Amino acid sequence: AAIAVETARLWTFGAAQAAHLEDA
């Protein structure tokens, strides 16, 4: 479960940054 939680965290914060890429 800890692995799954950390997976969700990494993707979430990665997406928070990637959402603002110039390449739509």
mmCIF file of all heavy atoms, coordinates in Angstrom:
data_MODEL
# 
_entry.id   MODEL 
# 
loop_
_atom_site.group_PDB 
_atom_site.id 
_atom_site.type_symbol 
_atom_site.label_atom_id 
_atom_site.label_alt_id 
_atom_site.label_comp_id 
_atom_site.label_asym_id 
_atom_site.label_entity_id 
_atom_site.label_seq_id 
_atom_site.pdbx_PDB_ins_code 
_atom_site.Cartn_x 
_atom_site.Cartn_y 
_atom_site.Cartn_z 
_atom_site.occupancy 
_atom_site.B_iso_or_equiv 
_atom_site.pdbx_formal_charge 
_atom_site.auth_seq_id 
_atom_site.auth_comp_id 
_atom_site.auth_asym_id 
_atom_site.auth_atom_id 
_atom_site.pdbx_PDB_model_num 
ATOM 1   N N   . ALA A 1 1  ? 0.831  -1.203 0.000   1.00 0.00 ? 1  ALA A N   1 
ATOM 2   C CA  . ALA A 1 1  ? 0.000  0.000  0.000   1.00 0.00 ? 1  ALA A CA  1 
ATOM 3   C C   . ALA A 1 1  ? 0.866  1.253  0.000   1.00 0.00 ? 1  ALA A C   1 
ATOM 4   O O   . ALA A 1 1  ? 0.545  2.244  -0.679  1.00 0.00 ? 1  ALA A O   1 
ATOM 5   C CB  . ALA A 1 1  ? -0.931 -0.003 1.213   1.00 0.00 ? 1  ALA A CB  1 
ATOM 6   N N   . ALA A 1 2  ? 1.976  1.222  0.738   1.00 0.00 ? 2  ALA A N   1 
ATOM 7   C CA  . ALA A 1 2  ? 2.884  2.377  0.762   1.00 0.00 ? 2  ALA A CA  1 
ATOM 8   C C   . ALA A 1 2  ? 3.459  2.651  -0.625  1.00 0.00 ? 2  ALA A C   1 
ATOM 9   O O   . ALA A 1 2  ? 3.611  3.802  -1.036  1.00 0.00 ? 2  ALA A O   1 
ATOM 10  C CB  . ALA A 1 2  ? 4.004  2.142  1.769   1.00 0.00 ? 2  ALA A CB  1 
ATOM 11  N N   . ILE A 1 3  ? 3.777  1.595  -1.355  1.00 0.00 ? 3  ILE A N   1 
ATOM 12  C CA  . ILE A 1 3  ? 4.280  1.762  -2.729  1.00 0.00 ? 3  ILE A CA  1 
ATOM 13  C C   . ILE A 1 3  ? 3.218  2.438  -3.595  1.00 0.00 ? 3  ILE A C   1 
ATOM 14  O O   . ILE A 1 3  ? 3.509  3.351  -4.379  1.00 0.00 ? 3  ILE A O   1 
ATOM 15  C CB  . ILE A 1 3  ? 4.680  0.399  -3.319  1.00 0.00 ? 3  ILE A CB  1 
ATOM 16  C CG1 . ILE A 1 3  ? 5.920  -0.147 -2.609  1.00 0.00 ? 3  ILE A CG1 1 
ATOM 17  C CG2 . ILE A 1 3  ? 4.941  0.512  -4.825  1.00 0.00 ? 3  ILE A CG2 1 
ATOM 18  C CD1 . ILE A 1 3  ? 6.261  -1.576 -2.968  1.00 0.00 ? 3  ILE A CD1 1 
ATOM 19  N N   . ALA A 1 4  ? 1.970  2.013  -3.449  1.00 0.00 ? 4  ALA A N   1 
ATOM 20  C CA  . ALA A 1 4  ? 0.885  2.600  -4.234  1.00 0.00 ? 4  ALA A CA  1 
ATOM 21  C C   . ALA A 1 4  ? 0.679  4.067  -3.871  1.00 0.00 ? 4  ALA A C   1 
ATOM 22  O O   . ALA A 1 4  ? 0.458  4.915  -4.758  1.00 0.00 ? 4  ALA A O   1 
ATOM 23  C CB  . ALA A 1 4  ? -0.403 1.809  -4.021  1.00 0.00 ? 4  ALA A CB  1 
ATOM 24  N N   . VAL A 1 5  ? 0.744  4.396  -2.589  1.00 0.00 ? 5  VAL A N   1 
ATOM 25  C CA  . VAL A 1 5  ? 0.576  5.787  -2.167  1.00 0.00 ? 5  VAL A CA  1 
ATOM 26  C C   . VAL A 1 5  ? 1.680  6.661  -2.752  1.00 0.00 ? 5  VAL A C   1 
ATOM 27  O O   . VAL A 1 5  ? 1.427  7.753  -3.277  1.00 0.00 ? 5  VAL A O   1 
ATOM 28  C CB  . VAL A 1 5  ? 0.570  5.890  -0.627  1.00 0.00 ? 5  VAL A CB  1 
ATOM 29  C CG1 . VAL A 1 5  ? 0.588  7.357  -0.194  1.00 0.00 ? 5  VAL A CG1 1 
ATOM 30  C CG2 . VAL A 1 5  ? -0.648 5.195  -0.042  1.00 0.00 ? 5  VAL A CG2 1 
ATOM 31  N N   . GLU A 1 6  ? 2.906  6.175  -2.672  1.00 0.00 ? 6  GLU A N   1 
ATOM 32  C CA  . GLU A 1 6  ? 4.015  6.959  -3.216  1.00 0.00 ? 6  GLU A CA  1 
ATOM 33  C C   . GLU A 1 6  ? 3.923  7.080  -4.732  1.00 0.00 ? 6  GLU A C   1 
ATOM 34  O O   . GLU A 1 6  ? 4.268  8.121  -5.302  1.00 0.00 ? 6  GLU A O   1 
ATOM 35  C CB  . GLU A 1 6  ? 5.352  6.332  -2.811  1.00 0.00 ? 6  GLU A CB  1 
ATOM 36  C CG  . GLU A 1 6  ? 6.584  7.053  -3.332  1.00 0.00 ? 6  GLU A CG  1 
ATOM 37  C CD  . GLU A 1 6  ? 6.750  8.470  -2.787  1.00 0.00 ? 6  GLU A CD  1 
ATOM 38  O OE1 . GLU A 1 6  ? 5.927  8.909  -1.949  1.00 0.00 ? 6  GLU A OE1 1 
ATOM 39  O OE2 . GLU A 1 6  ? 7.709  9.154  -3.207  1.00 0.00 ? 6  GLU A OE2 1 
ATOM 40  N N   . THR A 1 7  ? 3.437  6.051  -5.389  1.00 0.00 ? 7  THR A N   1 
ATOM 41  C CA  . THR A 1 7  ? 3.209  6.136  -6.831  1.00 0.00 ? 7  THR A CA  1 
ATOM 42  C C   . THR A 1 7  ? 2.216  7.258  -7.144  1.00 0.00 ? 7  THR A C   1 
ATOM 43  O O   . THR A 1 7  ? 2.437  8.062  -8.054  1.00 0.00 ? 7  THR A O   1 
ATOM 44  C CB  . THR A 1 7  ? 2.673  4.801  -7.368  1.00 0.00 ? 7  THR A CB  1 
ATOM 45  O OG1 . THR A 1 7  ? 3.661  3.780  -7.160  1.00 0.00 ? 7  THR A OG1 1 
ATOM 46  C CG2 . THR A 1 7  ? 2.351  4.887  -8.849  1.00 0.00 ? 7  THR A CG2 1 
ATOM 47  N N   . ALA A 1 8  ? 1.131  7.310  -6.382  1.00 0.00 ? 8  ALA A N   1 
ATOM 48  C CA  . ALA A 1 8  ? 0.141  8.367  -6.583  1.00 0.00 ? 8  ALA A CA  1 
ATOM 49  C C   . ALA A 1 8  ? 0.751  9.738  -6.333  1.00 0.00 ? 8  ALA A C   1 
ATOM 50  O O   . ALA A 1 8  ? 0.487  10.695 -7.075  1.00 0.00 ? 8  ALA A O   1 
ATOM 51  C CB  . ALA A 1 8  ? -1.058 8.144  -5.660  1.00 0.00 ? 8  ALA A CB  1 
ATOM 52  N N   . ARG A 1 9  ? 1.571  9.851  -5.290  1.00 0.00 ? 9  ARG A N   1 
ATOM 53  C CA  . ARG A 1 9  ? 2.192  11.149 -4.976  1.00 0.00 ? 9  ARG A CA  1 
ATOM 54  C C   . ARG A 1 9  ? 3.116  11.607 -6.100  1.00 0.00 ? 9  ARG A C   1 
ATOM 55  O O   . ARG A 1 9  ? 3.067  12.766 -6.546  1.00 0.00 ? 9  ARG A O   1 
ATOM 56  C CB  . ARG A 1 9  ? 2.984  11.061 -3.677  1.00 0.00 ? 9  ARG A CB  1 
ATOM 57  C CG  . ARG A 1 9  ? 3.515  12.417 -3.189  1.00 0.00 ? 9  ARG A CG  1 
ATOM 58  C CD  . ARG A 1 9  ? 4.445  12.259 -2.010  1.00 0.00 ? 9  ARG A CD  1 
ATOM 59  N NE  . ARG A 1 9  ? 5.720  11.697 -2.427  1.00 0.00 ? 9  ARG A NE  1 
ATOM 60  C CZ  . ARG A 1 9  ? 6.733  12.418 -2.932  1.00 0.00 ? 9  ARG A CZ  1 
ATOM 61  N NH1 . ARG A 1 9  ? 6.602  13.731 -3.098  1.00 0.00 ? 9  ARG A NH1 1 
ATOM 62  N NH2 . ARG A 1 9  ? 7.861  11.847 -3.273  1.00 0.00 ? 9  ARG A NH2 1 
ATOM 63  N N   . LEU A 1 10 ? 3.958  10.713 -6.591  1.00 0.00 ? 10 LEU A N   1 
ATOM 64  C CA  . LEU A 1 10 ? 4.912  11.084 -7.639  1.00 0.00 ? 10 LEU A CA  1 
ATOM 65  C C   . LEU A 1 10 ? 4.199  11.514 -8.914  1.00 0.00 ? 10 LEU A C   1 
ATOM 66  O O   . LEU A 1 10 ? 4.561  12.517 -9.544  1.00 0.00 ? 10 LEU A O   1 
ATOM 67  C CB  . LEU A 1 10 ? 5.862  9.921  -7.916  1.00 0.00 ? 10 LEU A CB  1 
ATOM 68  C CG  . LEU A 1 10 ? 6.848  9.589  -6.786  1.00 0.00 ? 10 LEU A CG  1 
ATOM 69  C CD1 . LEU A 1 10 ? 7.580  8.283  -7.076  1.00 0.00 ? 10 LEU A CD1 1 
ATOM 70  C CD2 . LEU A 1 10 ? 7.849  10.731 -6.602  1.00 0.00 ? 10 LEU A CD2 1 
ATOM 71  N N   . TRP A 1 11 ? 3.170  10.772 -9.312  1.00 0.00 ? 11 TRP A N   1 
ATOM 72  C CA  . TRP A 1 11 ? 2.424  11.141 -10.508 1.00 0.00 ? 11 TRP A CA  1 
ATOM 73  C C   . TRP A 1 11 ? 1.670  12.461 -10.307 1.00 0.00 ? 11 TRP A C   1 
ATOM 74  O O   . TRP A 1 11 ? 1.590  13.287 -11.223 1.00 0.00 ? 11 TRP A O   1 
ATOM 75  C CB  . TRP A 1 11 ? 1.455  10.032 -10.893 1.00 0.00 ? 11 TRP A CB  1 
ATOM 76  C CG  . TRP A 1 11 ? 2.056  8.968  -11.745 1.00 0.00 ? 11 TRP A CG  1 
ATOM 77  C CD1 . TRP A 1 11 ? 2.457  7.726  -11.361 1.00 0.00 ? 11 TRP A CD1 1 
ATOM 78  C CD2 . TRP A 1 11 ? 2.316  9.039  -13.153 1.00 0.00 ? 11 TRP A CD2 1 
ATOM 79  N NE1 . TRP A 1 11 ? 2.963  7.018  -12.444 1.00 0.00 ? 11 TRP A NE1 1 
ATOM 80  C CE2 . TRP A 1 11 ? 2.872  7.807  -13.552 1.00 0.00 ? 11 TRP A CE2 1 
ATOM 81  C CE3 . TRP A 1 11 ? 2.133  10.031 -14.122 1.00 0.00 ? 11 TRP A CE3 1 
ATOM 82  C CZ2 . TRP A 1 11 ? 3.243  7.541  -14.873 1.00 0.00 ? 11 TRP A CZ2 1 
ATOM 83  C CZ3 . TRP A 1 11 ? 2.500  9.771  -15.427 1.00 0.00 ? 11 TRP A CZ3 1 
ATOM 84  C CH2 . TRP A 1 11 ? 3.047  8.540  -15.801 1.00 0.00 ? 11 TRP A CH2 1 
ATOM 85  N N   . THR A 1 12 ? 1.122  12.658 -9.113  1.00 0.00 ? 12 THR A N   1 
ATOM 86  C CA  . THR A 1 12 ? 0.376  13.890 -8.846  1.00 0.00 ? 12 THR A CA  1 
ATOM 87  C C   . THR A 1 12 ? 1.262  15.111 -8.978  1.00 0.00 ? 12 THR A C   1 
ATOM 88  O O   . THR A 1 12 ? 0.915  16.090 -9.668  1.00 0.00 ? 12 THR A O   1 
ATOM 89  C CB  . THR A 1 12 ? -0.233 13.841 -7.431  1.00 0.00 ? 12 THR A CB  1 
ATOM 90  O OG1 . THR A 1 12 ? -1.238 12.825 -7.379  1.00 0.00 ? 12 THR A OG1 1 
ATOM 91  C CG2 . THR A 1 12 ? -0.858 15.177 -7.057  1.00 0.00 ? 12 THR A CG2 1 
ATOM 92  N N   . PHE A 1 13 ? 2.406  15.089 -8.329  1.00 0.00 ? 13 PHE A N   1 
ATOM 93  C CA  . PHE A 1 13 ? 3.270  16.265 -8.363  1.00 0.00 ? 13 PHE A CA  1 
ATOM 94  C C   . PHE A 1 13 ? 3.981  16.395 -9.704  1.00 0.00 ? 13 PHE A C   1 
ATOM 95  O O   . PHE A 1 13 ? 4.290  17.510 -10.131 1.00 0.00 ? 13 PHE A O   1 
ATOM 96  C CB  . PHE A 1 13 ? 4.250  16.229 -7.191  1.00 0.00 ? 13 PHE A CB  1 
ATOM 97  C CG  . PHE A 1 13 ? 3.590  16.580 -5.891  1.00 0.00 ? 13 PHE A CG  1 
ATOM 98  C CD1 . PHE A 1 13 ? 2.977  15.619 -5.115  1.00 0.00 ? 13 PHE A CD1 1 
ATOM 99  C CD2 . PHE A 1 13 ? 3.534  17.897 -5.456  1.00 0.00 ? 13 PHE A CD2 1 
ATOM 100 C CE1 . PHE A 1 13 ? 2.329  15.939 -3.932  1.00 0.00 ? 13 PHE A CE1 1 
ATOM 101 C CE2 . PHE A 1 13 ? 2.895  18.235 -4.275  1.00 0.00 ? 13 PHE A CE2 1 
ATOM 102 C CZ  . PHE A 1 13 ? 2.287  17.255 -3.508  1.00 0.00 ? 13 PHE A CZ  1 
ATOM 103 N N   . GLY A 1 14 ? 4.195  15.279 -10.380 1.00 0.00 ? 14 GLY A N   1 
ATOM 104 C CA  . GLY A 1 14 ? 4.696  15.361 -11.741 1.00 0.00 ? 14 GLY A CA  1 
ATOM 105 C C   . GLY A 1 14 ? 3.690  16.015 -12.659 1.00 0.00 ? 14 GLY A C   1 
ATOM 106 O O   . GLY A 1 14 ? 4.036  16.853 -13.502 1.00 0.00 ? 14 GLY A O   1 
ATOM 107 N N   . ALA A 1 15 ? 2.420  15.663 -12.493 1.00 0.00 ? 15 ALA A N   1 
ATOM 108 C CA  . ALA A 1 15 ? 1.367  16.242 -13.327 1.00 0.00 ? 15 ALA A CA  1 
ATOM 109 C C   . ALA A 1 15 ? 1.169  17.722 -13.023 1.00 0.00 ? 15 ALA A C   1 
ATOM 110 O O   . ALA A 1 15 ? 0.865  18.512 -13.929 1.00 0.00 ? 15 ALA A O   1 
ATOM 111 C CB  . ALA A 1 15 ? 0.060  15.486 -13.121 1.00 0.00 ? 15 ALA A CB  1 
ATOM 112 N N   . ALA A 1 16 ? 1.316  18.114 -11.769 1.00 0.00 ? 16 ALA A N   1 
ATOM 113 C CA  . ALA A 1 16 ? 1.184  19.526 -11.412 1.00 0.00 ? 16 ALA A CA  1 
ATOM 114 C C   . ALA A 1 16 ? 2.179  20.383 -12.184 1.00 0.00 ? 16 ALA A C   1 
ATOM 115 O O   . ALA A 1 16 ? 1.879  21.526 -12.569 1.00 0.00 ? 16 ALA A O   1 
ATOM 116 C CB  . ALA A 1 16 ? 1.383  19.717 -9.913  1.00 0.00 ? 16 ALA A CB  1 
ATOM 117 N N   . GLN A 1 17 ? 3.360  19.833 -12.444 1.00 0.00 ? 17 GLN A N   1 
ATOM 118 C CA  . GLN A 1 17 ? 4.368  20.549 -13.224 1.00 0.00 ? 17 GLN A CA  1 
ATOM 119 C C   . GLN A 1 17 ? 4.127  20.385 -14.722 1.00 0.00 ? 17 GLN A C   1 
ATOM 120 O O   . GLN A 1 17 ? 4.167  21.350 -15.489 1.00 0.00 ? 17 GLN A O   1 
ATOM 121 C CB  . GLN A 1 17 ? 5.766  20.028 -12.861 1.00 0.00 ? 17 GLN A CB  1 
ATOM 122 C CG  . GLN A 1 17 ? 6.166  20.286 -11.424 1.00 0.00 ? 17 GLN A CG  1 
ATOM 123 C CD  . GLN A 1 17 ? 6.229  21.767 -11.088 1.00 0.00 ? 17 GLN A CD  1 
ATOM 124 O OE1 . GLN A 1 17 ? 6.661  22.582 -11.902 1.00 0.00 ? 17 GLN A OE1 1 
ATOM 125 N NE2 . GLN A 1 17 ? 5.787  22.128 -9.895  1.00 0.00 ? 17 GLN A NE2 1 
ATOM 126 N N   . ALA A 1 18 ? 3.850  19.165 -15.162 1.00 0.00 ? 18 ALA A N   1 
ATOM 127 C CA  . ALA A 1 18 ? 3.695  18.893 -16.595 1.00 0.00 ? 18 ALA A CA  1 
ATOM 128 C C   . ALA A 1 18 ? 2.495  19.616 -17.187 1.00 0.00 ? 18 ALA A C   1 
ATOM 129 O O   . ALA A 1 18 ? 2.476  19.917 -18.385 1.00 0.00 ? 18 ALA A O   1 
ATOM 130 C CB  . ALA A 1 18 ? 3.564  17.392 -16.830 1.00 0.00 ? 18 ALA A CB  1 
ATOM 131 N N   . ALA A 1 19 ? 1.494  19.908 -16.370 1.00 0.00 ? 19 ALA A N   1 
ATOM 132 C CA  . ALA A 1 19 ? 0.294  20.585 -16.877 1.00 0.00 ? 19 ALA A CA  1 
ATOM 133 C C   . ALA A 1 19 ? 0.612  21.935 -17.493 1.00 0.00 ? 19 ALA A C   1 
ATOM 134 O O   . ALA A 1 19 ? -0.170 22.452 -18.297 1.00 0.00 ? 19 ALA A O   1 
ATOM 135 C CB  . ALA A 1 19 ? -0.725 20.757 -15.749 1.00 0.00 ? 19 ALA A CB  1 
ATOM 136 N N   . HIS A 1 20 ? 1.755  22.504 -17.147 1.00 0.00 ? 20 HIS A N   1 
ATOM 137 C CA  . HIS A 1 20 ? 2.118  23.833 -17.626 1.00 0.00 ? 20 HIS A CA  1 
ATOM 138 C C   . HIS A 1 20 ? 3.183  23.799 -18.716 1.00 0.00 ? 20 HIS A C   1 
ATOM 139 O O   . HIS A 1 20 ? 3.774  24.848 -19.033 1.00 0.00 ? 20 HIS A O   1 
ATOM 140 C CB  . HIS A 1 20 ? 2.587  24.682 -16.442 1.00 0.00 ? 20 HIS A CB  1 
ATOM 141 C CG  . HIS A 1 20 ? 1.578  24.791 -15.340 1.00 0.00 ? 20 HIS A CG  1 
ATOM 142 N ND1 . HIS A 1 20 ? 0.426  25.534 -15.466 1.00 0.00 ? 20 HIS A ND1 1 
ATOM 143 C CD2 . HIS A 1 20 ? 1.529  24.218 -14.111 1.00 0.00 ? 20 HIS A CD2 1 
ATOM 144 C CE1 . HIS A 1 20 ? -0.286 25.432 -14.348 1.00 0.00 ? 20 HIS A CE1 1 
ATOM 145 N NE2 . HIS A 1 20 ? 0.354  24.643 -13.517 1.00 0.00 ? 20 HIS A NE2 1 
ATOM 146 N N   . LEU A 1 21 ? 3.432  22.639 -19.294 1.00 0.00 ? 21 LEU A N   1 
ATOM 147 C CA  . LEU A 1 21 ? 4.369  22.555 -20.401 1.00 0.00 ? 21 LEU A CA  1 
ATOM 148 C C   . LEU A 1 21 ? 3.868  23.385 -21.584 1.00 0.00 ? 21 LEU A C   1 
ATOM 149 O O   . LEU A 1 21 ? 2.660  23.483 -21.830 1.00 0.00 ? 21 LEU A O   1 
ATOM 150 C CB  . LEU A 1 21 ? 4.540  21.103 -20.845 1.00 0.00 ? 21 LEU A CB  1 
ATOM 151 C CG  . LEU A 1 21 ? 5.313  20.167 -19.901 1.00 0.00 ? 21 LEU A CG  1 
ATOM 152 C CD1 . LEU A 1 21 ? 5.180  18.726 -20.376 1.00 0.00 ? 21 LEU A CD1 1 
ATOM 153 C CD2 . LEU A 1 21 ? 6.783  20.574 -19.822 1.00 0.00 ? 21 LEU A CD2 1 
ATOM 154 N N   . GLU A 1 22 ? 4.787  23.969 -22.335 1.00 0.00 ? 22 GLU A N   1 
ATOM 155 C CA  . GLU A 1 22 ? 4.398  24.741 -23.511 1.00 0.00 ? 22 GLU A CA  1 
ATOM 156 C C   . GLU A 1 22 ? 3.777  23.851 -24.577 1.00 0.00 ? 22 GLU A C   1 
ATOM 157 O O   . GLU A 1 22 ? 2.894  24.287 -25.322 1.00 0.00 ? 22 GLU A O   1 
ATOM 158 C CB  . GLU A 1 22 ? 5.611  25.482 -24.074 1.00 0.00 ? 22 GLU A CB  1 
ATOM 159 C CG  . GLU A 1 22 ? 6.109  26.609 -23.182 1.00 0.00 ? 22 GLU A CG  1 
ATOM 160 C CD  . GLU A 1 22 ? 7.230  27.381 -23.826 1.00 0.00 ? 22 GLU A CD  1 
ATOM 161 O OE1 . GLU A 1 22 ? 7.500  27.162 -25.032 1.00 0.00 ? 22 GLU A OE1 1 
ATOM 162 O OE2 . GLU A 1 22 ? 7.846  28.214 -23.135 1.00 0.00 ? 22 GLU A OE2 1 
ATOM 163 N N   . ASP A 1 23 ? 4.237  22.618 -24.667 1.00 0.00 ? 23 ASP A N   1 
ATOM 164 C CA  . ASP A 1 23 ? 3.687  21.660 -25.625 1.00 0.00 ? 23 ASP A CA  1 
ATOM 165 C C   . ASP A 1 23 ? 2.369  21.134 -25.066 1.00 0.00 ? 23 ASP A C   1 
ATOM 166 O O   . ASP A 1 23 ? 2.346  20.309 -24.153 1.00 0.00 ? 23 ASP A O   1 
ATOM 167 C CB  . ASP A 1 23 ? 4.675  20.518 -25.846 1.00 0.00 ? 23 ASP A CB  1 
ATOM 168 C CG  . ASP A 1 23 ? 4.220  19.528 -26.913 1.00 0.00 ? 23 ASP A CG  1 
ATOM 169 O OD1 . ASP A 1 23 ? 3.007  19.448 -27.182 1.00 0.00 ? 23 ASP A OD1 1 
ATOM 170 O OD2 . ASP A 1 23 ? 5.080  18.811 -27.457 1.00 0.00 ? 23 ASP A OD2 1 
ATOM 171 N N   . ALA A 1 24 ? 1.251  21.620 -25.596 1.00 0.00 ? 24 ALA A N   1 
ATOM 172 C CA  . ALA A 1 24 ? -0.062 21.268 -25.060 1.00 0.00 ? 24 ALA A CA  1 
ATOM 173 C C   . ALA A 1 24 ? -0.320 19.772 -25.140 1.00 0.00 ? 24 ALA A C   1 
ATOM 174 O O   . ALA A 1 24 ? -0.874 19.185 -24.209 1.00 0.00 ? 24 ALA A O   1 
ATOM 175 C CB  . ALA A 1 24 ? -1.155 22.027 -25.800 1.00 0.00 ? 24 ALA A CB  1 
# 
